[in-house]
Amino acid sequence: MREFGIKHNRYANWRVALVGEIVIRLLALSCSRGMLSYSERAN
């Protein structure tokens, strides 16, 4: 039972890490797009 708990926990951590990475990439993408549009407006 203990082994199953460790495996389940590791799987949950992997899912959280994956979701976190996707969120960070989306934020970085939106920020870079925002900076591009801002620099275009400034010119």
PDB file of N, CA and C in Angstrom:
ATOM      1  N   MET A   1       0.838  -1.206   0.000  1.00  0.00           N
ATOM      2  CA  MET A   1       0.000   0.000   0.000  1.00  0.00           C
ATOM      3  C   MET A   1       0.875   1.260   0.000  1.00  0.00           C
ATOM      4  N   ARG A   2       1.941   1.179   0.762  1.00  0.00           N
ATOM      5  CA  ARG A   2       2.844   2.331   0.866  1.00  0.00           C
ATOM      6  C   ARG A   2       3.481   2.640  -0.494  1.00  0.00           C
ATOM      7  N   GLU A   3       3.873   1.578  -1.202  1.00  0.00           N
ATOM      8  CA  GLU A   3       4.495   1.732  -2.517  1.00  0.00           C
ATOM      9  C   GLU A   3       3.538   2.426  -3.488  1.00  0.00           C
ATOM     10  N   PHE A   4       2.282   2.025  -3.444  1.00  0.00           N
ATOM     11  CA  PHE A   4       1.271   2.626  -4.317  1.00  0.00           C
ATOM     12  C   PHE A   4       1.139   4.117  -4.025  1.00  0.00           C
ATOM     13  N   GLY A   5       1.178   4.465  -2.752  1.00  0.00           N
ATOM     14  CA  GLY A   5       1.076   5.873  -2.350  1.00  0.00           C
ATOM     15  C   GLY A   5       2.217   6.697  -2.920  1.00  0.00           C
ATOM     16  N   ILE A   6       3.417   6.146  -2.890  1.00  0.00           N
ATOM     17  CA  ILE A   6       4.596   6.842  -3.420  1.00  0.00           C
ATOM     18  C   ILE A   6       4.449   7.035  -4.932  1.00  0.00           C
ATOM     19  N   LYS A   7       4.014   5.977  -5.628  1.00  0.00           N
ATOM     20  CA  LYS A   7       3.825   6.069  -7.082  1.00  0.00           C
ATOM     21  C   LYS A   7       2.767   7.103  -7.416  1.00  0.00           C
ATOM     22  N   HIS A   8       1.668   7.070  -6.688  1.00  0.00           N
ATOM     23  CA  HIS A   8       0.574   8.021  -6.929  1.00  0.00           C
ATOM     24  C   HIS A   8       1.056   9.447  -6.686  1.00  0.00           C
ATOM     25  N   ASN A   9       1.822   9.630  -5.623  1.00  0.00           N
ATOM     26  CA  ASN A   9       2.345  10.947  -5.266  1.00  0.00           C
ATOM     27  C   ASN A   9       3.277  11.454  -6.361  1.00  0.00           C
ATOM     28  N   ARG A  10       4.130  10.586  -6.860  1.00  0.00           N
ATOM     29  CA  ARG A  10       5.076  10.958  -7.916  1.00  0.00           C
ATOM     30  C   ARG A  10       4.315  11.357  -9.181  1.00  0.00           C
ATOM     31  N   TYR A  11       3.256  10.617  -9.488  1.00  0.00           N
ATOM     32  CA  TYR A  11       2.434  10.913 -10.666  1.00  0.00           C
ATOM     33  C   TYR A  11       1.755  12.263 -10.508  1.00  0.00           C
ATOM     34  N   ALA A  12       1.250  12.540  -9.309  1.00  0.00           N
ATOM     35  CA  ALA A  12       0.593  13.826  -9.036  1.00  0.00           C
ATOM     36  C   ALA A  12       1.600  14.959  -9.190  1.00  0.00           C
ATOM     37  N   ASN A  13       2.798  14.782  -8.661  1.00  0.00           N
ATOM     38  CA  ASN A  13       3.842  15.806  -8.766  1.00  0.00           C
ATOM     39  C   ASN A  13       4.210  16.054 -10.221  1.00  0.00           C
ATOM     40  N   TRP A  14       4.273  14.981 -11.020  1.00  0.00           N
ATOM     41  CA  TRP A  14       4.598  15.101 -12.447  1.00  0.00           C
ATOM     42  C   TRP A  14       3.523  15.902 -13.165  1.00  0.00           C
ATOM     43  N   ARG A  15       2.258  15.655 -12.819  1.00  0.00           N
ATOM     44  CA  ARG A  15       1.154  16.389 -13.439  1.00  0.00           C
ATOM     45  C   ARG A  15       1.211  17.860 -13.061  1.00  0.00           C
ATOM     46  N   VAL A  16       1.480  18.140 -11.803  1.00  0.00           N
ATOM     47  CA  VAL A  16       1.571  19.530 -11.335  1.00  0.00           C
ATOM     48  C   VAL A  16       2.714  20.244 -12.050  1.00  0.00           C
ATOM     49  N   ALA A  17       3.847  19.564 -12.186  1.00  0.00           N
ATOM     50  CA  ALA A  17       5.005  20.153 -12.864  1.00  0.00           C
ATOM     51  C   ALA A  17       4.682  20.442 -14.323  1.00  0.00           C
ATOM     52  N   LEU A  18       3.973  19.518 -14.970  1.00  0.00           N
ATOM     53  CA  LEU A  18       3.615  19.691 -16.377  1.00  0.00           C
ATOM     54  C   LEU A  18       2.682  20.879 -16.552  1.00  0.00           C
ATOM     55  N   VAL A  19       1.661  20.961 -15.720  1.00  0.00           N
ATOM     56  CA  VAL A  19       0.709  22.077 -15.783  1.00  0.00           C
ATOM     57  C   VAL A  19       1.433  23.389 -15.509  1.00  0.00           C
ATOM     58  N   GLY A  20       2.319  23.402 -14.517  1.00  0.00           N
ATOM     59  CA  GLY A  20       3.081  24.600 -14.193  1.00  0.00           C
ATOM     60  C   GLY A  20       3.929  25.063 -15.361  1.00  0.00           C
ATOM     61  N   GLU A  21       4.550  24.106 -16.047  1.00  0.00           N
ATOM     62  CA  GLU A  21       5.394  24.441 -17.200  1.00  0.00           C
ATOM     63  C   GLU A  21       4.557  25.046 -18.318  1.00  0.00           C
ATOM     64  N   ILE A  22       3.378  24.476 -18.567  1.00  0.00           N
ATOM     65  CA  ILE A  22       2.485  25.000 -19.613  1.00  0.00           C
ATOM     66  C   ILE A  22       2.056  26.419 -19.270  1.00  0.00           C
ATOM     67  N   VAL A  23       1.691  26.646 -18.016  1.00  0.00           N
ATOM     68  CA  VAL A  23       1.253  27.977 -17.578  1.00  0.00           C
ATOM     69  C   VAL A  23       2.385  28.989 -17.750  1.00  0.00           C
ATOM     70  N   ILE A  24       3.592  28.607 -17.349  1.00  0.00           N
ATOM     71  CA  ILE A  24       4.750  29.507 -17.466  1.00  0.00           C
ATOM     72  C   ILE A  24       5.022  29.841 -18.932  1.00  0.00           C
ATOM     73  N   ARG A  25       4.926  28.827 -19.801  1.00  0.00           N
ATOM     74  CA  ARG A  25       5.166  29.070 -21.232  1.00  0.00           C
ATOM     75  C   ARG A  25       4.114  29.984 -21.819  1.00  0.00           C
ATOM     76  N   LEU A  26       2.853  29.782 -21.428  1.00  0.00           N
ATOM     77  CA  LEU A  26       1.772  30.635 -21.929  1.00  0.00           C
ATOM     78  C   LEU A  26       1.969  32.070 -21.455  1.00  0.00           C
ATOM     79  N   LEU A  27       2.355  32.231 -20.193  1.00  0.00           N
ATOM     80  CA  LEU A  27       2.590  33.570 -19.649  1.00  0.00           C
ATOM     81  C   LEU A  27       3.751  34.243 -20.373  1.00  0.00           C
ATOM     82  N   ALA A  28       4.823  33.500 -20.602  1.00  0.00           N
ATOM     83  CA  ALA A  28       5.984  34.053 -21.299  1.00  0.00           C
ATOM     84  C   ALA A  28       5.606  34.458 -22.718  1.00  0.00           C
ATOM     85  N   LEU A  29       4.807  33.632 -23.370  1.00  0.00           N
ATOM     86  CA  LEU A  29       4.365  33.917 -24.734  1.00  0.00           C
ATOM     87  C   LEU A  29       3.512  35.175 -24.771  1.00  0.00           C
ATOM     88  N   SER A  30       2.565  35.277 -23.863  1.00  0.00           N
ATOM     89  CA  SER A  30       1.687  36.453 -23.832  1.00  0.00           C
ATOM     90  C   SER A  30       2.476  37.707 -23.473  1.00  0.00           C
ATOM     91  N   CYS A  31       3.455  37.572 -22.587  1.00  0.00           N
ATOM     92  CA  CYS A  31       4.280  38.723 -22.205  1.00  0.00           C
ATOM     93  C   CYS A  31       5.108  39.194 -23.396  1.00  0.00           C
ATOM     94  N   SER A  32       5.712  38.255 -24.127  1.00  0.00           N
ATOM     95  CA  SER A  32       6.532  38.632 -25.285  1.00  0.00           C
ATOM     96  C   SER A  32       5.665  39.259 -26.372  1.00  0.00           C
ATOM     97  N   ARG A  33       4.462  38.749 -26.549  1.00  0.00           N
ATOM     98  CA  ARG A  33       3.545  39.331 -27.532  1.00  0.00           C
ATOM     99  C   ARG A  33       3.141  40.734 -27.097  1.00  0.00           C
ATOM    100  N   GLY A  34       2.899  40.900 -25.808  1.00  0.00           N
ATOM    101  CA  GLY A  34       2.532  42.204 -25.274  1.00  0.00           C
ATOM    102  C   GLY A  34       3.649  43.210 -25.472  1.00  0.00           C
ATOM    103  N   MET A  35       4.882  42.777 -25.258  1.00  0.00           N
ATOM    104  CA  MET A  35       6.035  43.655 -25.444  1.00  0.00           C
ATOM    105  C   MET A  35       6.173  44.048 -26.913  1.00  0.00           C
ATOM    106  N   LEU A  36       5.938  43.105 -27.820  1.00  0.00           N
ATOM    107  CA  LEU A  36       6.029  43.391 -29.256  1.00  0.00           C
ATOM    108  C   LEU A  36       4.983  44.417 -29.669  1.00  0.00           C
ATOM    109  N   SER A  37       3.754  44.209 -29.231  1.00  0.00           N
ATOM    110  CA  SER A  37       2.685  45.146 -29.598  1.00  0.00           C
ATOM    111  C   SER A  37       2.937  46.511 -28.963  1.00  0.00           C
ATOM    112  N   TYR A  38       3.494  46.521 -27.757  1.00  0.00           N
ATOM    113  CA  TYR A  38       3.790  47.787 -27.076  1.00  0.00           C
ATOM    114  C   TYR A  38       4.882  48.550 -27.823  1.00  0.00           C
ATOM    115  N   SER A  39       5.929  47.852 -28.251  1.00  0.00           N
ATOM    116  CA  SER A  39       7.024  48.513 -28.978  1.00  0.00           C
ATOM    117  C   SER A  39       6.539  49.024 -30.336  1.00  0.00           C
ATOM    118  N   GLU A  40       5.613  48.309 -30.960  1.00  0.00           N
ATOM    119  CA  GLU A  40       5.054  48.757 -32.245  1.00  0.00           C
ATOM    120  C   GLU A  40       4.248  50.041 -32.045  1.00  0.00           C
ATOM    121  N   ARG A  41       3.496  50.093 -30.954  1.00  0.00           N
ATOM    122  CA  ARG A  41       2.697  51.284 -30.650  1.00  0.00           C
ATOM    123  C   ARG A  41       3.603  52.471 -30.326  1.00  0.00           C
ATOM    124  N   ALA A  42       4.703  52.205 -29.634  1.00  0.00           N
ATOM    125  CA  ALA A  42       5.626  53.267 -29.236  1.00  0.00           C
ATOM    126  C   ALA A  42       6.260  53.914 -30.469  1.00  0.00           C
ATOM    127  N   ASN A  43       6.538  53.123 -31.487  1.00  0.00           N
ATOM    128  CA  ASN A  43       7.123  53.645 -32.727  1.00  0.00           C
ATOM    129  C   ASN A  43       6.023  54.282 -33.541  1.00  0.00           C
TER     130      ASN A  43
END
